[in-house]
Amino acid sequence: MKGEIKNRVYRACGCDGFKARIQAELAKIDSTLTQEQALTKPLEPPLYSHHATRQSFFNKGWYAVTGMHILKAKQRVKQHAL
């Protein structure tokens, strides 16, 4: 994502969205939901900013997260727990 967004402020918004989604997905997996529910229940991005452009870049970062990103983050958490 770094190479796509030239403006550093908007790039930070995108990175914040990406990180927030990873944290939300990890929290969802750790909650009382079953594994199947956790993987199928979609998450909507929260309000990050009332500034439309910043919110848009946050949303782009949020939706850039793939299943592979979530699996890698989950593995990192498990490795740090050991």
PDB file of N, CA and C in Angstrom:
ATOM      1  N   MET A   1       0.816  -1.187   0.000  1.00  0.00           N
ATOM      2  CA  MET A   1       0.000   0.000   0.000  1.00  0.00           C
ATOM      3  C   MET A   1       0.867   1.260   0.000  1.00  0.00           C
ATOM      4  N   LYS A   2       2.074   1.189   0.504  1.00  0.00           N
ATOM      5  CA  LYS A   2       2.930   2.362   0.585  1.00  0.00           C
ATOM      6  C   LYS A   2       3.171   3.013  -0.772  1.00  0.00           C
ATOM      7  N   GLY A   3       3.389   2.221  -1.794  1.00  0.00           N
ATOM      8  CA  GLY A   3       3.714   2.750  -3.105  1.00  0.00           C
ATOM      9  C   GLY A   3       2.548   3.418  -3.801  1.00  0.00           C
ATOM     10  N   GLU A   4       1.336   3.056  -3.461  1.00  0.00           N
ATOM     11  CA  GLU A   4       0.167   3.599  -4.130  1.00  0.00           C
ATOM     12  C   GLU A   4      -0.137   5.031  -3.728  1.00  0.00           C
ATOM     13  N   ILE A   5      -0.073   5.332  -2.460  1.00  0.00           N
ATOM     14  CA  ILE A   5      -0.525   6.624  -1.941  1.00  0.00           C
ATOM     15  C   ILE A   5       0.674   7.539  -1.742  1.00  0.00           C
ATOM     16  N   LYS A   6       0.724   8.617  -2.498  1.00  0.00           N
ATOM     17  CA  LYS A   6       1.865   9.535  -2.440  1.00  0.00           C
ATOM     18  C   LYS A   6       1.824  10.449  -1.218  1.00  0.00           C
ATOM     19  N   ASN A   7       0.639  10.947  -0.876  1.00  0.00           N
ATOM     20  CA  ASN A   7       0.498  11.873   0.243  1.00  0.00           C
ATOM     21  C   ASN A   7       0.688  11.125   1.554  1.00  0.00           C
ATOM     22  N   ARG A   8       1.607  11.601   2.388  1.00  0.00           N
ATOM     23  CA  ARG A   8       1.947  10.877   3.614  1.00  0.00           C
ATOM     24  C   ARG A   8       0.790  10.836   4.616  1.00  0.00           C
ATOM     25  N   VAL A   9      -0.036  11.889   4.650  1.00  0.00           N
ATOM     26  CA  VAL A   9      -1.170  11.911   5.576  1.00  0.00           C
ATOM     27  C   VAL A   9      -2.199  10.857   5.163  1.00  0.00           C
ATOM     28  N   TYR A  10      -2.513  10.812   3.871  1.00  0.00           N
ATOM     29  CA  TYR A  10      -3.488   9.847   3.381  1.00  0.00           C
ATOM     30  C   TYR A  10      -2.934   8.424   3.432  1.00  0.00           C
ATOM     31  N   ARG A  11      -1.628   8.278   3.230  1.00  0.00           N
ATOM     32  CA  ARG A  11      -0.994   6.965   3.354  1.00  0.00           C
ATOM     33  C   ARG A  11      -1.116   6.471   4.798  1.00  0.00           C
ATOM     34  N   ALA A  12      -0.939   7.384   5.758  1.00  0.00           N
ATOM     35  CA  ALA A  12      -1.086   7.010   7.170  1.00  0.00           C
ATOM     36  C   ALA A  12      -2.523   6.590   7.473  1.00  0.00           C
ATOM     37  N   CYS A  13      -3.490   7.257   6.853  1.00  0.00           N
ATOM     38  CA  CYS A  13      -4.899   6.874   7.043  1.00  0.00           C
ATOM     39  C   CYS A  13      -5.129   5.455   6.526  1.00  0.00           C
ATOM     40  N   GLY A  14      -4.570   5.145   5.366  1.00  0.00           N
ATOM     41  CA  GLY A  14      -4.699   3.799   4.809  1.00  0.00           C
ATOM     42  C   GLY A  14      -4.047   2.752   5.697  1.00  0.00           C
ATOM     43  N   CYS A  15      -2.863   3.059   6.201  1.00  0.00           N
ATOM     44  CA  CYS A  15      -2.166   2.125   7.099  1.00  0.00           C
ATOM     45  C   CYS A  15      -2.936   1.941   8.398  1.00  0.00           C
ATOM     46  N   ASP A  16      -3.522   3.023   8.897  1.00  0.00           N
ATOM     47  CA  ASP A  16      -4.342   2.922  10.109  1.00  0.00           C
ATOM     48  C   ASP A  16      -5.547   2.014   9.872  1.00  0.00           C
ATOM     49  N   GLY A  17      -6.161   2.136   8.699  1.00  0.00           N
ATOM     50  CA  GLY A  17      -7.300   1.280   8.365  1.00  0.00           C
ATOM     51  C   GLY A  17      -6.902  -0.182   8.288  1.00  0.00           C
ATOM     52  N   PHE A  18      -5.756  -0.444   7.683  1.00  0.00           N
ATOM     53  CA  PHE A  18      -5.254  -1.811   7.559  1.00  0.00           C
ATOM     54  C   PHE A  18      -5.003  -2.403   8.944  1.00  0.00           C
ATOM     55  N   LYS A  19      -4.315  -1.652   9.796  1.00  0.00           N
ATOM     56  CA  LYS A  19      -3.998  -2.132  11.143  1.00  0.00           C
ATOM     57  C   LYS A  19      -5.257  -2.315  11.987  1.00  0.00           C
ATOM     58  N   ALA A  20      -6.206  -1.390  11.833  1.00  0.00           N
ATOM     59  CA  ALA A  20      -7.451  -1.495  12.599  1.00  0.00           C
ATOM     60  C   ALA A  20      -8.234  -2.741  12.200  1.00  0.00           C
ATOM     61  N   ARG A  21      -8.228  -3.060  10.921  1.00  0.00           N
ATOM     62  CA  ARG A  21      -8.954  -4.248  10.451  1.00  0.00           C
ATOM     63  C   ARG A  21      -8.310  -5.514  11.000  1.00  0.00           C
ATOM     64  N   ILE A  22      -6.989  -5.566  10.983  1.00  0.00           N
ATOM     65  CA  ILE A  22      -6.292  -6.737  11.535  1.00  0.00           C
ATOM     66  C   ILE A  22      -6.657  -6.901  13.011  1.00  0.00           C
ATOM     67  N   GLN A  23      -6.614  -5.813  13.767  1.00  0.00           N
ATOM     68  CA  GLN A  23      -6.952  -5.881  15.191  1.00  0.00           C
ATOM     69  C   GLN A  23      -8.402  -6.313  15.398  1.00  0.00           C
ATOM     70  N   ALA A  24      -9.301  -5.793  14.566  1.00  0.00           N
ATOM     71  CA  ALA A  24     -10.715  -6.162  14.681  1.00  0.00           C
ATOM     72  C   ALA A  24     -10.927  -7.634  14.353  1.00  0.00           C
ATOM     73  N   GLU A  25     -10.232  -8.124  13.341  1.00  0.00           N
ATOM     74  CA  GLU A  25     -10.361  -9.534  12.969  1.00  0.00           C
ATOM     75  C   GLU A  25      -9.811 -10.434  14.064  1.00  0.00           C
ATOM     76  N   LEU A  26      -8.685 -10.058  14.661  1.00  0.00           N
ATOM     77  CA  LEU A  26      -8.119 -10.872  15.742  1.00  0.00           C
ATOM     78  C   LEU A  26      -9.039 -10.860  16.957  1.00  0.00           C
ATOM     79  N   ALA A  27      -9.645  -9.720  17.246  1.00  0.00           N
ATOM     80  CA  ALA A  27     -10.572  -9.637  18.371  1.00  0.00           C
ATOM     81  C   ALA A  27     -11.822 -10.468  18.090  1.00  0.00           C
ATOM     82  N   LYS A  28     -12.263 -10.486  16.841  1.00  0.00           N
ATOM     83  CA  LYS A  28     -13.445 -11.253  16.466  1.00  0.00           C
ATOM     84  C   LYS A  28     -13.171 -12.748  16.593  1.00  0.00           C
ATOM     85  N   ILE A  29     -12.002 -13.178  16.219  1.00  0.00           N
ATOM     86  CA  ILE A  29     -11.640 -14.600  16.312  1.00  0.00           C
ATOM     87  C   ILE A  29     -11.544 -15.019  17.775  1.00  0.00           C
ATOM     88  N   ASP A  30     -11.053 -14.114  18.638  1.00  0.00           N
ATOM     89  CA  ASP A  30     -10.899 -14.434  20.056  1.00  0.00           C
ATOM     90  C   ASP A  30     -12.217 -14.361  20.828  1.00  0.00           C
ATOM     91  N   SER A  31     -13.260 -13.804  20.216  1.00  0.00           N
ATOM     92  CA  SER A  31     -14.530 -13.638  20.925  1.00  0.00           C
ATOM     93  C   SER A  31     -15.291 -14.964  20.975  1.00  0.00           C
ATOM     94  N   THR A  32     -16.530 -14.896  21.395  1.00  0.00           N
ATOM     95  CA  THR A  32     -17.338 -16.094  21.582  1.00  0.00           C
ATOM     96  C   THR A  32     -17.929 -16.627  20.283  1.00  0.00           C
ATOM     97  N   LEU A  33     -17.660 -16.000  19.154  1.00  0.00           N
ATOM     98  CA  LEU A  33     -18.165 -16.500  17.885  1.00  0.00           C
ATOM     99  C   LEU A  33     -17.509 -17.829  17.544  1.00  0.00           C
ATOM    100  N   THR A  34     -18.229 -18.669  16.844  1.00  0.00           N
ATOM    101  CA  THR A  34     -17.618 -19.907  16.352  1.00  0.00           C
ATOM    102  C   THR A  34     -16.659 -19.533  15.229  1.00  0.00           C
ATOM    103  N   GLN A  35     -15.785 -20.451  14.886  1.00  0.00           N
ATOM    104  CA  GLN A  35     -14.797 -20.186  13.831  1.00  0.00           C
ATOM    105  C   GLN A  35     -15.496 -19.863  12.509  1.00  0.00           C
ATOM    106  N   GLU A  36     -16.568 -20.598  12.206  1.00  0.00           N
ATOM    107  CA  GLU A  36     -17.291 -20.363  10.955  1.00  0.00           C
ATOM    108  C   GLU A  36     -17.945 -18.979  10.947  1.00  0.00           C
ATOM    109  N   GLN A  37     -18.556 -18.590  12.062  1.00  0.00           N
ATOM    110  CA  GLN A  37     -19.177 -17.266  12.154  1.00  0.00           C
ATOM    111  C   GLN A  37     -18.134 -16.164  12.044  1.00  0.00           C
ATOM    112  N   ALA A  38     -16.988 -16.377  12.656  1.00  0.00           N
ATOM    113  CA  ALA A  38     -15.931 -15.369  12.636  1.00  0.00           C
ATOM    114  C   ALA A  38     -15.412 -15.136  11.226  1.00  0.00           C
ATOM    115  N   LEU A  39     -15.369 -16.193  10.432  1.00  0.00           N
ATOM    116  CA  LEU A  39     -14.851 -16.054   9.076  1.00  0.00           C
ATOM    117  C   LEU A  39     -15.887 -15.518   8.096  1.00  0.00           C
ATOM    118  N   THR A  40     -17.172 -15.709   8.376  1.00  0.00           N
ATOM    119  CA  THR A  40     -18.192 -15.300   7.417  1.00  0.00           C
ATOM    120  C   THR A  40     -18.857 -13.975   7.759  1.00  0.00           C
ATOM    121  N   LYS A  41     -18.843 -13.577   9.005  1.00  0.00           N
ATOM    122  CA  LYS A  41     -19.512 -12.338   9.400  1.00  0.00           C
ATOM    123  C   LYS A  41     -18.669 -11.142   8.950  1.00  0.00           C
ATOM    124  N   PRO A  42     -19.208 -10.310   8.051  1.00  0.00           N
ATOM    125  CA  PRO A  42     -18.411  -9.194   7.548  1.00  0.00           C
ATOM    126  C   PRO A  42     -18.271  -8.067   8.580  1.00  0.00           C
ATOM    127  N   LEU A  43     -17.167  -7.389   8.522  1.00  0.00           N
ATOM    128  CA  LEU A  43     -16.929  -6.237   9.384  1.00  0.00           C
ATOM    129  C   LEU A  43     -17.035  -4.964   8.559  1.00  0.00           C
ATOM    130  N   GLU A  44     -17.643  -3.963   9.128  1.00  0.00           N
ATOM    131  CA  GLU A  44     -17.724  -2.660   8.475  1.00  0.00           C
ATOM    132  C   GLU A  44     -16.688  -1.737   9.115  1.00  0.00           C
ATOM    133  N   PRO A  45     -16.071  -0.877   8.323  1.00  0.00           N
ATOM    134  CA  PRO A  45     -15.083   0.034   8.906  1.00  0.00           C
ATOM    135  C   PRO A  45     -15.748   1.059   9.827  1.00  0.00           C
ATOM    136  N   PRO A  46     -15.110   1.358  10.944  1.00  0.00           N
ATOM    137  CA  PRO A  46     -15.664   2.366  11.853  1.00  0.00           C
ATOM    138  C   PRO A  46     -15.410   3.777  11.316  1.00  0.00           C
ATOM    139  N   LEU A  47     -16.041   4.736  11.937  1.00  0.00           N
ATOM    140  CA  LEU A  47     -15.782   6.129  11.574  1.00  0.00           C
ATOM    141  C   LEU A  47     -14.385   6.489  12.052  1.00  0.00           C
ATOM    142  N   TYR A  48     -13.554   6.874  11.140  1.00  0.00           N
ATOM    143  CA  TYR A  48     -12.169   7.250  11.442  1.00  0.00           C
ATOM    144  C   TYR A  48     -12.052   8.767  11.467  1.00  0.00           C
ATOM    145  N   SER A  49     -12.725   9.408  10.520  1.00  0.00           N
ATOM    146  CA  SER A  49     -12.623  10.855  10.396  1.00  0.00           C
ATOM    147  C   SER A  49     -13.871  11.409   9.723  1.00  0.00           C
ATOM    148  N   HIS A  50     -14.230  12.630  10.093  1.00  0.00           N
ATOM    149  CA  HIS A  50     -15.324  13.312   9.403  1.00  0.00           C
ATOM    150  C   HIS A  50     -14.831  13.919   8.092  1.00  0.00           C
ATOM    151  N   HIS A  51     -13.545  13.883   7.869  1.00  0.00           N
ATOM    152  CA  HIS A  51     -12.934  14.348   6.618  1.00  0.00           C
ATOM    153  C   HIS A  51     -13.121  13.222   5.603  1.00  0.00           C
ATOM    154  N   ALA A  52     -13.894  13.482   4.559  1.00  0.00           N
ATOM    155  CA  ALA A  52     -14.296  12.429   3.620  1.00  0.00           C
ATOM    156  C   ALA A  52     -13.110  11.738   2.953  1.00  0.00           C
ATOM    157  N   THR A  53     -12.086  12.496   2.576  1.00  0.00           N
ATOM    158  CA  THR A  53     -10.946  11.893   1.892  1.00  0.00           C
ATOM    159  C   THR A  53     -10.163  10.987   2.837  1.00  0.00           C
ATOM    160  N   ARG A  54      -9.978  11.431   4.054  1.00  0.00           N
ATOM    161  CA  ARG A  54      -9.258  10.599   5.026  1.00  0.00           C
ATOM    162  C   ARG A  54     -10.042   9.331   5.340  1.00  0.00           C
ATOM    163  N   GLN A  55     -11.358   9.461   5.481  1.00  0.00           N
ATOM    164  CA  GLN A  55     -12.181   8.280   5.729  1.00  0.00           C
ATOM    165  C   GLN A  55     -12.103   7.326   4.547  1.00  0.00           C
ATOM    166  N   SER A  56     -12.072   7.866   3.348  1.00  0.00           N
ATOM    167  CA  SER A  56     -11.982   7.040   2.151  1.00  0.00           C
ATOM    168  C   SER A  56     -10.687   6.235   2.129  1.00  0.00           C
ATOM    169  N   PHE A  57      -9.576   6.866   2.465  1.00  0.00           N
ATOM    170  CA  PHE A  57      -8.302   6.137   2.491  1.00  0.00           C
ATOM    171  C   PHE A  57      -8.255   5.126   3.627  1.00  0.00           C
ATOM    172  N   PHE A  58      -8.866   5.463   4.758  1.00  0.00           N
ATOM    173  CA  PHE A  58      -8.981   4.500   5.863  1.00  0.00           C
ATOM    174  C   PHE A  58      -9.759   3.277   5.387  1.00  0.00           C
ATOM    175  N   ASN A  59     -10.874   3.505   4.693  1.00  0.00           N
ATOM    176  CA  ASN A  59     -11.688   2.403   4.180  1.00  0.00           C
ATOM    177  C   ASN A  59     -10.907   1.559   3.176  1.00  0.00           C
ATOM    178  N   LYS A  60     -10.107   2.197   2.330  1.00  0.00           N
ATOM    179  CA  LYS A  60      -9.289   1.449   1.365  1.00  0.00           C
ATOM    180  C   LYS A  60      -8.308   0.527   2.093  1.00  0.00           C
ATOM    181  N   GLY A  61      -7.690   1.042   3.149  1.00  0.00           N
ATOM    182  CA  GLY A  61      -6.792   0.207   3.952  1.00  0.00           C
ATOM    183  C   GLY A  61      -7.549  -0.914   4.637  1.00  0.00           C
ATOM    184  N   TRP A  62      -8.738  -0.614   5.138  1.00  0.00           N
ATOM    185  CA  TRP A  62      -9.581  -1.597   5.824  1.00  0.00           C
ATOM    186  C   TRP A  62      -9.921  -2.754   4.889  1.00  0.00           C
ATOM    187  N   TYR A  63     -10.357  -2.417   3.676  1.00  0.00           N
ATOM    188  CA  TYR A  63     -10.773  -3.446   2.723  1.00  0.00           C
ATOM    189  C   TYR A  63      -9.605  -4.105   1.997  1.00  0.00           C
ATOM    190  N   ALA A  64      -8.386  -3.617   2.198  1.00  0.00           N
ATOM    191  CA  ALA A  64      -7.210  -4.226   1.571  1.00  0.00           C
ATOM    192  C   ALA A  64      -6.766  -5.497   2.296  1.00  0.00           C
ATOM    193  N   VAL A  65      -7.269  -5.723   3.491  1.00  0.00           N
ATOM    194  CA  VAL A  65      -6.886  -6.896   4.275  1.00  0.00           C
ATOM    195  C   VAL A  65      -7.488  -8.149   3.641  1.00  0.00           C
ATOM    196  N   THR A  66      -6.644  -9.138   3.429  1.00  0.00           N
ATOM    197  CA  THR A  66      -7.094 -10.417   2.864  1.00  0.00           C
ATOM    198  C   THR A  66      -7.082 -11.492   3.946  1.00  0.00           C
ATOM    199  N   GLY A  67      -7.621 -12.623   3.607  1.00  0.00           N
ATOM    200  CA  GLY A  67      -7.604 -13.756   4.531  1.00  0.00           C
ATOM    201  C   GLY A  67      -6.193 -14.174   4.895  1.00  0.00           C
ATOM    202  N   MET A  68      -5.276 -14.048   3.954  1.00  0.00           N
ATOM    203  CA  MET A  68      -3.875 -14.399   4.215  1.00  0.00           C
ATOM    204  C   MET A  68      -3.257 -13.460   5.253  1.00  0.00           C
ATOM    205  N   HIS A  69      -3.580 -12.172   5.171  1.00  0.00           N
ATOM    206  CA  HIS A  69      -3.086 -11.223   6.175  1.00  0.00           C
ATOM    207  C   HIS A  69      -3.575 -11.616   7.573  1.00  0.00           C
ATOM    208  N   ILE A  70      -4.842 -12.008   7.652  1.00  0.00           N
ATOM    209  CA  ILE A  70      -5.424 -12.388   8.943  1.00  0.00           C
ATOM    210  C   ILE A  70      -4.755 -13.649   9.483  1.00  0.00           C
ATOM    211  N   LEU A  71      -4.542 -14.632   8.625  1.00  0.00           N
ATOM    212  CA  LEU A  71      -3.887 -15.864   9.063  1.00  0.00           C
ATOM    213  C   LEU A  71      -2.460 -15.602   9.547  1.00  0.00           C
ATOM    214  N   LYS A  72      -1.734 -14.755   8.819  1.00  0.00           N
ATOM    215  CA  LYS A  72      -0.360 -14.429   9.241  1.00  0.00           C
ATOM    216  C   LYS A  72      -0.355 -13.698  10.575  1.00  0.00           C
ATOM    217  N   ALA A  73      -1.291 -12.771  10.765  1.00  0.00           N
ATOM    218  CA  ALA A  73      -1.372 -12.041  12.032  1.00  0.00           C
ATOM    219  C   ALA A  73      -1.711 -12.992  13.173  1.00  0.00           C
ATOM    220  N   LYS A  74      -2.612 -13.924  12.906  1.00  0.00           N
ATOM    221  CA  LYS A  74      -2.993 -14.900  13.915  1.00  0.00           C
ATOM    222  C   LYS A  74      -1.796 -15.771  14.301  1.00  0.00           C
ATOM    223  N   GLN A  75      -0.987 -16.162  13.312  1.00  0.00           N
ATOM    224  CA  GLN A  75       0.208 -16.958  13.598  1.00  0.00           C
ATOM    225  C   GLN A  75       1.216 -16.168  14.418  1.00  0.00           C
ATOM    226  N   ARG A  76       1.380 -14.874  14.095  1.00  0.00           N
ATOM    227  CA  ARG A  76       2.310 -14.036  14.861  1.00  0.00           C
ATOM    228  C   ARG A  76       1.893 -13.936  16.312  1.00  0.00           C
ATOM    229  N   VAL A  77       0.583 -13.814  16.544  1.00  0.00           N
ATOM    230  CA  VAL A  77       0.084 -13.747  17.925  1.00  0.00           C
ATOM    231  C   VAL A  77       0.367 -15.047  18.657  1.00  0.00           C
ATOM    232  N   LYS A  78       0.161 -16.174  17.986  1.00  0.00           N
ATOM    233  CA  LYS A  78       0.434 -17.474  18.612  1.00  0.00           C
ATOM    234  C   LYS A  78       1.902 -17.637  18.929  1.00  0.00           C
ATOM    235  N   GLN A  79       2.792 -17.184  18.018  1.00  0.00           N
ATOM    236  CA  GLN A  79       4.230 -17.318  18.244  1.00  0.00           C
ATOM    237  C   GLN A  79       4.688 -16.465  19.414  1.00  0.00           C
ATOM    238  N   HIS A  80       4.109 -15.261  19.556  1.00  0.00           N
ATOM    239  CA  HIS A  80       4.485 -14.395  20.665  1.00  0.00           C
ATOM    240  C   HIS A  80       3.954 -14.916  21.993  1.00  0.00           C
ATOM    241  N   ALA A  81       2.880 -15.700  21.943  1.00  0.00           N
ATOM    242  CA  ALA A  81       2.293 -16.244  23.172  1.00  0.00           C
ATOM    243  C   ALA A  81       3.137 -17.393  23.723  1.00  0.00           C
ATOM    244  N   LEU A  82       3.918 -18.030  22.857  1.00  0.00           N
ATOM    245  CA  LEU A  82       4.721 -19.173  23.313  1.00  0.00           C
ATOM    246  C   LEU A  82       5.919 -18.758  24.075  1.00  0.00           C
TER     247      LEU A  82
END
